[in-house]
PDB file of N, CA and C in Angstrom:
ATOM      1  N   UNK A   1     175.012  97.237 170.334  1.00  0.00           N
ATOM      2  CA  UNK A   1     174.181  97.698 169.209  1.00  0.00           C
ATOM      3  C   UNK A   1     172.830  96.913 169.264  1.00  0.00           C
ATOM      4  N   UNK A   2     171.781  97.566 169.117  1.00  0.00           N
ATOM      5  CA  UNK A   2     170.433  96.930 169.072  1.00  0.00           C
ATOM      6  C   UNK A   2     169.861  97.028 167.703  1.00  0.00           C
ATOM      7  N   UNK A   3     168.960  96.162 167.400  1.00  0.00           N
ATOM      8  CA  UNK A   3     168.303  96.136 166.150  1.00  0.00           C
ATOM      9  C   UNK A   3     166.933  95.542 166.209  1.00  0.00           C
ATOM     10  N   UNK A   4     166.244  95.519 165.164  1.00  0.00           N
ATOM     11  CA  UNK A   4     164.961  94.940 165.073  1.00  0.00           C
ATOM     12  C   UNK A   4     165.092  93.408 164.938  1.00  0.00           C
ATOM     13  N   UNK A   5     164.352  92.690 165.717  1.00  0.00           N
ATOM     14  CA  UNK A   5     164.308  91.197 165.596  1.00  0.00           C
ATOM     15  C   UNK A   5     163.071  90.866 164.880  1.00  0.00           C
ATOM     16  N   UNK A   6     163.239  90.193 163.727  1.00  0.00           N
ATOM     17  CA  UNK A   6     162.082  89.944 162.843  1.00  0.00           C
ATOM     18  C   UNK A   6     161.466  88.537 163.060  1.00  0.00           C
ATOM     19  N   UNK A   7     161.574  88.023 164.251  1.00  0.00           N
ATOM     20  CA  UNK A   7     161.012  86.723 164.556  1.00  0.00           C
ATOM     21  C   UNK A   7     160.355  86.765 165.928  1.00  0.00           C
ATOM     22  N   UNK A   8     159.532  85.798 166.194  1.00  0.00           N
ATOM     23  CA  UNK A   8     158.931  85.711 167.553  1.00  0.00           C
ATOM     24  C   UNK A   8     159.788  84.862 168.489  1.00  0.00           C
ATOM     25  N   UNK A   9     160.739  84.065 167.920  1.00  0.00           N
ATOM     26  CA  UNK A   9     161.555  83.178 168.726  1.00  0.00           C
ATOM     27  C   UNK A   9     162.998  83.600 168.591  1.00  0.00           C
ATOM     28  N   UNK A  10     163.699  83.626 169.681  1.00  0.00           N
ATOM     29  CA  UNK A  10     165.129  83.925 169.745  1.00  0.00           C
ATOM     30  C   UNK A  10     165.882  82.859 170.516  1.00  0.00           C
ATOM     31  N   UNK A  11     167.131  82.782 170.271  1.00  0.00           N
ATOM     32  CA  UNK A  11     168.049  81.830 171.003  1.00  0.00           C
ATOM     33  C   UNK A  11     169.408  82.399 170.938  1.00  0.00           C
ATOM     34  N   UNK A  12     170.214  82.045 171.897  1.00  0.00           N
ATOM     35  CA  UNK A  12     171.594  82.517 171.945  1.00  0.00           C
ATOM     36  C   UNK A  12     172.492  81.559 171.118  1.00  0.00           C
ATOM     37  N   UNK A  13     173.640  81.989 170.758  1.00  0.00           N
ATOM     38  CA  UNK A  13     174.638  81.176 170.085  1.00  0.00           C
ATOM     39  C   UNK A  13     174.893  79.942 170.914  1.00  0.00           C
ATOM     40  N   UNK A  14     175.004  80.140 172.240  1.00  0.00           N
ATOM     41  CA  UNK A  14     175.264  79.035 173.126  1.00  0.00           C
ATOM     42  C   UNK A  14     174.176  77.958 173.069  1.00  0.00           C
ATOM     43  N   UNK A  15     172.917  78.418 173.042  1.00  0.00           N
ATOM     44  CA  UNK A  15     171.812  77.461 172.944  1.00  0.00           C
ATOM     45  C   UNK A  15     171.836  76.745 171.670  1.00  0.00           C
ATOM     46  N   UNK A  16     172.168  77.429 170.584  1.00  0.00           N
ATOM     47  CA  UNK A  16     172.244  76.804 169.267  1.00  0.00           C
ATOM     48  C   UNK A  16     173.350  75.710 169.253  1.00  0.00           C
ATOM     49  N   UNK A  17     174.490  76.001 169.848  1.00  0.00           N
ATOM     50  CA  UNK A  17     175.602  75.046 169.952  1.00  0.00           C
ATOM     51  C   UNK A  17     175.195  73.835 170.796  1.00  0.00           C
ATOM     52  N   UNK A  18     174.470  74.067 171.883  1.00  0.00           N
ATOM     53  CA  UNK A  18     174.114  73.002 172.763  1.00  0.00           C
ATOM     54  C   UNK A  18     173.083  72.010 172.184  1.00  0.00           C
ATOM     55  N   UNK A  19     172.096  72.604 171.461  1.00  0.00           N
ATOM     56  CA  UNK A  19     170.956  71.772 170.922  1.00  0.00           C
ATOM     57  C   UNK A  19     170.535  72.387 169.557  1.00  0.00           C
ATOM     58  N   UNK A  20     171.256  72.176 168.507  1.00  0.00           N
ATOM     59  CA  UNK A  20     170.863  72.798 167.190  1.00  0.00           C
ATOM     60  C   UNK A  20     169.472  72.405 166.701  1.00  0.00           C
ATOM     61  N   UNK A  21     169.132  71.199 166.773  1.00  0.00           N
ATOM     62  CA  UNK A  21     167.812  70.726 166.243  1.00  0.00           C
ATOM     63  C   UNK A  21     166.689  71.226 167.198  1.00  0.00           C
ATOM     64  N   UNK A  22     166.951  71.265 168.495  1.00  0.00           N
ATOM     65  CA  UNK A  22     165.975  71.785 169.405  1.00  0.00           C
ATOM     66  C   UNK A  22     165.737  73.260 169.204  1.00  0.00           C
ATOM     67  N   UNK A  23     166.818  73.955 168.856  1.00  0.00           N
ATOM     68  CA  UNK A  23     166.678  75.477 168.583  1.00  0.00           C
ATOM     69  C   UNK A  23     165.774  75.672 167.288  1.00  0.00           C
ATOM     70  N   UNK A  24     166.051  74.854 166.292  1.00  0.00           N
ATOM     71  CA  UNK A  24     165.249  74.997 165.035  1.00  0.00           C
ATOM     72  C   UNK A  24     163.802  74.638 165.367  1.00  0.00           C
ATOM     73  N   UNK A  25     163.585  73.567 166.108  1.00  0.00           N
ATOM     74  CA  UNK A  25     162.218  73.149 166.488  1.00  0.00           C
ATOM     75  C   UNK A  25     161.467  74.166 167.320  1.00  0.00           C
ATOM     76  N   UNK A  26     162.223  74.947 168.084  1.00  0.00           N
ATOM     77  CA  UNK A  26     161.565  75.981 168.931  1.00  0.00           C
ATOM     78  C   UNK A  26     160.807  77.026 168.124  1.00  0.00           C
ATOM     79  N   UNK A  27     161.199  77.183 166.869  1.00  0.00           N
ATOM     80  CA  UNK A  27     160.547  78.140 165.995  1.00  0.00           C
ATOM     81  C   UNK A  27     159.218  77.636 165.379  1.00  0.00           C
ATOM     82  N   UNK A  28     158.859  76.395 165.608  1.00  0.00           N
ATOM     83  CA  UNK A  28     157.685  75.815 165.053  1.00  0.00           C
ATOM     84  C   UNK A  28     157.530  76.044 163.579  1.00  0.00           C
ATOM     85  N   UNK A  29     158.641  75.805 162.836  1.00  0.00           N
ATOM     86  CA  UNK A  29     158.609  75.958 161.377  1.00  0.00           C
ATOM     87  C   UNK A  29     158.965  77.345 160.856  1.00  0.00           C
ATOM     88  N   UNK A  30     159.110  78.306 161.772  1.00  0.00           N
ATOM     89  CA  UNK A  30     159.504  79.702 161.372  1.00  0.00           C
ATOM     90  C   UNK A  30     160.931  79.949 161.802  1.00  0.00           C
ATOM     91  N   UNK A  31     161.499  80.969 161.215  1.00  0.00           N
ATOM     92  CA  UNK A  31     162.922  81.274 161.561  1.00  0.00           C
ATOM     93  C   UNK A  31     163.094  81.576 163.002  1.00  0.00           C
ATOM     94  N   UNK A  32     164.298  81.380 163.487  1.00  0.00           N
ATOM     95  CA  UNK A  32     164.702  81.717 164.893  1.00  0.00           C
ATOM     96  C   UNK A  32     165.848  82.686 164.751  1.00  0.00           C
ATOM     97  N   UNK A  33     165.783  83.801 165.476  1.00  0.00           N
ATOM     98  CA  UNK A  33     166.828  84.792 165.517  1.00  0.00           C
ATOM     99  C   UNK A  33     167.871  84.308 166.477  1.00  0.00           C
ATOM    100  N   UNK A  34     169.104  84.152 166.023  1.00  0.00           N
ATOM    101  CA  UNK A  34     170.263  83.729 166.854  1.00  0.00           C
ATOM    102  C   UNK A  34     170.943  85.042 167.324  1.00  0.00           C
ATOM    103  N   UNK A  35     171.045  85.189 168.641  1.00  0.00           N
ATOM    104  CA  UNK A  35     171.589  86.339 169.244  1.00  0.00           C
ATOM    105  C   UNK A  35     173.022  86.156 169.744  1.00  0.00           C
ATOM    106  N   UNK A  36     173.844  87.134 169.502  1.00  0.00           N
ATOM    107  CA  UNK A  36     175.180  87.148 170.054  1.00  0.00           C
ATOM    108  C   UNK A  36     175.381  88.422 170.817  1.00  0.00           C
ATOM    109  N   UNK A  37     175.516  88.399 172.135  1.00  0.00           N
ATOM    110  CA  UNK A  37     175.571  89.563 172.964  1.00  0.00           C
ATOM    111  C   UNK A  37     174.372  90.477 172.781  1.00  0.00           C
ATOM    112  N   UNK A  38     173.207  89.827 172.756  1.00  0.00           N
ATOM    113  CA  UNK A  38     171.886  90.538 172.646  1.00  0.00           C
ATOM    114  C   UNK A  38     171.640  91.272 171.374  1.00  0.00           C
ATOM    115  N   UNK A  39     172.461  90.967 170.336  1.00  0.00           N
ATOM    116  CA  UNK A  39     172.214  91.526 168.962  1.00  0.00           C
ATOM    117  C   UNK A  39     171.990  90.336 168.045  1.00  0.00           C
ATOM    118  N   UNK A  40     171.149  90.532 167.066  1.00  0.00           N
ATOM    119  CA  UNK A  40     170.896  89.475 166.112  1.00  0.00           C
ATOM    120  C   UNK A  40     172.115  89.206 165.241  1.00  0.00           C
ATOM    121  N   UNK A  41     172.601  87.984 165.351  1.00  0.00           N
ATOM    122  CA  UNK A  41     173.811  87.580 164.541  1.00  0.00           C
ATOM    123  C   UNK A  41     173.363  87.035 163.215  1.00  0.00           C
ATOM    124  N   UNK A  42     172.320  86.211 163.197  1.00  0.00           N
ATOM    125  CA  UNK A  42     171.779  85.669 161.995  1.00  0.00           C
ATOM    126  C   UNK A  42     170.407  84.973 162.328  1.00  0.00           C
ATOM    127  N   UNK A  43     169.762  84.533 161.279  1.00  0.00           N
ATOM    128  CA  UNK A  43     168.496  83.814 161.431  1.00  0.00           C
ATOM    129  C   UNK A  43     168.696  82.373 161.039  1.00  0.00           C
ATOM    130  N   UNK A  44     168.195  81.509 161.878  1.00  0.00           N
ATOM    131  CA  UNK A  44     168.231  80.075 161.595  1.00  0.00           C
ATOM    132  C   UNK A  44     166.852  79.736 160.941  1.00  0.00           C
ATOM    133  N   UNK A  45     166.883  79.395 159.635  1.00  0.00           N
ATOM    134  CA  UNK A  45     165.612  79.189 158.899  1.00  0.00           C
ATOM    135  C   UNK A  45     165.503  77.686 158.559  1.00  0.00           C
ATOM    136  N   UNK A  46     164.390  77.101 158.972  1.00  0.00           N
ATOM    137  CA  UNK A  46     164.148  75.738 158.612  1.00  0.00           C
ATOM    138  C   UNK A  46     164.091  75.544 157.090  1.00  0.00           C
ATOM    139  N   UNK A  47     164.395  74.332 156.612  1.00  0.00           N
ATOM    140  CA  UNK A  47     164.465  74.058 155.155  1.00  0.00           C
ATOM    141  C   UNK A  47     163.171  74.408 154.474  1.00  0.00           C
ATOM    142  N   UNK A  48     162.068  73.941 155.023  1.00  0.00           N
ATOM    143  CA  UNK A  48     160.745  74.231 154.362  1.00  0.00           C
ATOM    144  C   UNK A  48     160.457  75.735 154.250  1.00  0.00           C
ATOM    145  N   UNK A  49     160.801  76.460 155.268  1.00  0.00           N
ATOM    146  CA  UNK A  49     160.594  77.936 155.209  1.00  0.00           C
ATOM    147  C   UNK A  49     161.470  78.587 154.165  1.00  0.00           C
ATOM    148  N   UNK A  50     162.764  78.091 154.072  1.00  0.00           N
ATOM    149  CA  UNK A  50     163.675  78.653 153.119  1.00  0.00           C
ATOM    150  C   UNK A  50     163.253  78.338 151.696  1.00  0.00           C
ATOM    151  N   UNK A  51     162.803  77.097 151.451  1.00  0.00           N
ATOM    152  CA  UNK A  51     162.241  76.689 150.125  1.00  0.00           C
ATOM    153  C   UNK A  51     161.054  77.569 149.743  1.00  0.00           C
ATOM    154  N   UNK A  52     160.154  77.794 150.712  1.00  0.00           N
ATOM    155  CA  UNK A  52     158.981  78.630 150.413  1.00  0.00           C
ATOM    156  C   UNK A  52     159.393  80.096 150.101  1.00  0.00           C
ATOM    157  N   UNK A  53     160.405  80.546 150.811  1.00  0.00           N
ATOM    158  CA  UNK A  53     160.903  81.921 150.544  1.00  0.00           C
ATOM    159  C   UNK A  53     161.528  81.982 149.154  1.00  0.00           C
ATOM    160  N   UNK A  54     162.297  81.031 148.720  1.00  0.00           N
ATOM    161  CA  UNK A  54     162.928  81.025 147.448  1.00  0.00           C
ATOM    162  C   UNK A  54     161.861  80.926 146.353  1.00  0.00           C
ATOM    163  N   UNK A  55     160.865  80.103 146.541  1.00  0.00           N
ATOM    164  CA  UNK A  55     159.759  80.072 145.548  1.00  0.00           C
ATOM    165  C   UNK A  55     159.029  81.405 145.423  1.00  0.00           C
ATOM    166  N   UNK A  56     158.815  82.031 146.560  1.00  0.00           N
ATOM    167  CA  UNK A  56     158.111  83.340 146.535  1.00  0.00           C
ATOM    168  C   UNK A  56     158.964  84.392 145.799  1.00  0.00           C
ATOM    169  N   UNK A  57     160.247  84.386 146.059  1.00  0.00           N
ATOM    170  CA  UNK A  57     161.155  85.338 145.357  1.00  0.00           C
ATOM    171  C   UNK A  57     161.126  85.085 143.891  1.00  0.00           C
ATOM    172  N   UNK A  58     161.174  83.785 143.480  1.00  0.00           N
ATOM    173  CA  UNK A  58     161.117  83.468 142.071  1.00  0.00           C
ATOM    174  C   UNK A  58     159.798  83.957 141.413  1.00  0.00           C
ATOM    175  N   UNK A  59     158.688  83.768 142.173  1.00  0.00           N
ATOM    176  CA  UNK A  59     157.419  84.293 141.667  1.00  0.00           C
ATOM    177  C   UNK A  59     157.466  85.795 141.457  1.00  0.00           C
ATOM    178  N   UNK A  60     157.991  86.525 142.449  1.00  0.00           N
ATOM    179  CA  UNK A  60     158.084  87.956 142.357  1.00  0.00           C
ATOM    180  C   UNK A  60     158.982  88.381 141.141  1.00  0.00           C
ATOM    181  N   UNK A  61     160.054  87.712 140.896  1.00  0.00           N
ATOM    182  CA  UNK A  61     160.897  88.031 139.771  1.00  0.00           C
ATOM    183  C   UNK A  61     160.181  87.734 138.416  1.00  0.00           C
ATOM    184  N   UNK A  62     159.496  86.654 138.383  1.00  0.00           N
ATOM    185  CA  UNK A  62     158.727  86.324 137.158  1.00  0.00           C
ATOM    186  C   UNK A  62     157.586  87.301 136.897  1.00  0.00           C
ATOM    187  N   UNK A  63     156.964  87.781 137.975  1.00  0.00           N
ATOM    188  CA  UNK A  63     155.897  88.755 137.820  1.00  0.00           C
ATOM    189  C   UNK A  63     156.450  90.086 137.341  1.00  0.00           C
ATOM    190  N   UNK A  64     157.642  90.433 137.843  1.00  0.00           N
ATOM    191  CA  UNK A  64     158.282  91.660 137.392  1.00  0.00           C
ATOM    192  C   UNK A  64     158.612  91.609 135.951  1.00  0.00           C
ATOM    193  N   UNK A  65     159.083  90.466 135.463  1.00  0.00           N
ATOM    194  CA  UNK A  65     159.368  90.289 133.998  1.00  0.00           C
ATOM    195  C   UNK A  65     158.123  90.376 133.217  1.00  0.00           C
ATOM    196  N   UNK A  66     157.058  89.747 133.714  1.00  0.00           N
ATOM    197  CA  UNK A  66     155.769  89.715 132.950  1.00  0.00           C
ATOM    198  C   UNK A  66     155.243  91.203 132.910  1.00  0.00           C
ATOM    199  N   UNK A  67     155.379  91.937 133.995  1.00  0.00           N
ATOM    200  CA  UNK A  67     154.908  93.328 134.061  1.00  0.00           C
ATOM    201  C   UNK A  67     155.662  94.178 133.015  1.00  0.00           C
ATOM    202  N   UNK A  68     156.955  93.998 132.923  1.00  0.00           N
ATOM    203  CA  UNK A  68     157.749  94.807 131.928  1.00  0.00           C
ATOM    204  C   UNK A  68     157.350  94.417 130.503  1.00  0.00           C
ATOM    205  N   UNK A  69     156.922  93.233 130.255  1.00  0.00           N
ATOM    206  CA  UNK A  69     156.543  92.826 128.917  1.00  0.00           C
ATOM    207  C   UNK A  69     155.048  92.946 128.577  1.00  0.00           C
ATOM    208  N   UNK A  70     154.295  93.464 129.531  1.00  0.00           N
ATOM    209  CA  UNK A  70     152.873  93.581 129.306  1.00  0.00           C
ATOM    210  C   UNK A  70     152.480  94.473 128.179  1.00  0.00           C
ATOM    211  N   UNK A  71     153.253  95.493 127.894  1.00  0.00           N
ATOM    212  CA  UNK A  71     152.910  96.453 126.841  1.00  0.00           C
ATOM    213  C   UNK A  71     153.488  96.028 125.467  1.00  0.00           C
ATOM    214  N   UNK A  72     154.224  94.964 125.388  1.00  0.00           N
ATOM    215  CA  UNK A  72     154.805  94.562 124.082  1.00  0.00           C
ATOM    216  C   UNK A  72     153.736  93.951 123.192  1.00  0.00           C
ATOM    217  N   UNK A  73     153.937  94.038 121.894  1.00  0.00           N
ATOM    218  CA  UNK A  73     152.954  93.478 120.933  1.00  0.00           C
ATOM    219  C   UNK A  73     152.921  91.973 121.016  1.00  0.00           C
ATOM    220  N   UNK A  74     151.745  91.392 120.785  1.00  0.00           N
ATOM    221  CA  UNK A  74     151.557  89.949 120.808  1.00  0.00           C
ATOM    222  C   UNK A  74     151.919  89.397 119.491  1.00  0.00           C
ATOM    223  N   UNK A  75     152.733  88.315 119.463  1.00  0.00           N
ATOM    224  CA  UNK A  75     153.122  87.641 118.208  1.00  0.00           C
ATOM    225  C   UNK A  75     152.410  86.289 118.219  1.00  0.00           C
ATOM    226  N   UNK A  76     151.559  86.114 117.273  1.00  0.00           N
ATOM    227  CA  UNK A  76     150.712  84.865 117.171  1.00  0.00           C
ATOM    228  C   UNK A  76     151.579  83.851 116.363  1.00  0.00           C
ATOM    229  N   UNK A  77     151.622  82.616 116.934  1.00  0.00           N
ATOM    230  CA  UNK A  77     152.405  81.575 116.333  1.00  0.00           C
ATOM    231  C   UNK A  77     151.528  80.346 116.212  1.00  0.00           C
ATOM    232  N   UNK A  78     151.548  79.642 115.082  1.00  0.00           N
ATOM    233  CA  UNK A  78     150.818  78.389 114.972  1.00  0.00           C
ATOM    234  C   UNK A  78     151.632  77.286 115.566  1.00  0.00           C
ATOM    235  N   UNK A  79     151.006  76.331 116.193  1.00  0.00           N
ATOM    236  CA  UNK A  79     151.724  75.148 116.731  1.00  0.00           C
ATOM    237  C   UNK A  79     152.374  74.360 115.596  1.00  0.00           C
ATOM    238  N   UNK A  80     151.789  74.373 114.423  1.00  0.00           N
ATOM    239  CA  UNK A  80     152.356  73.651 113.264  1.00  0.00           C
ATOM    240  C   UNK A  80     153.647  74.352 112.761  1.00  0.00           C
ATOM    241  N   UNK A  81     153.795  75.637 113.043  1.00  0.00           N
ATOM    242  CA  UNK A  81     154.917  76.381 112.583  1.00  0.00           C
ATOM    243  C   UNK A  81     156.161  76.059 113.502  1.00  0.00           C
ATOM    244  N   UNK A  82     155.928  75.511 114.631  1.00  0.00           N
ATOM    245  CA  UNK A  82     157.003  75.212 115.529  1.00  0.00           C
ATOM    246  C   UNK A  82     157.625  73.889 115.145  1.00  0.00           C
TER     247      UNK A  82
END
């Protein structure tokens, strides 16, 4: 089975087992596609890239909430009333 590889760097499961940190480093901070029998088994994502991805997803979710609330009426509140 073939599929689309969404990274520039690939490694085999054997390479990952032999040198895990070297495999991660080969991606230069980007994900590495781990192949099993020439098919993508999973992506090895460095911590910094994963954290950036999670922050981006959170931003998209918050923007979607803001967009749905954009047409709601504004309720003005005094700071003293809080």
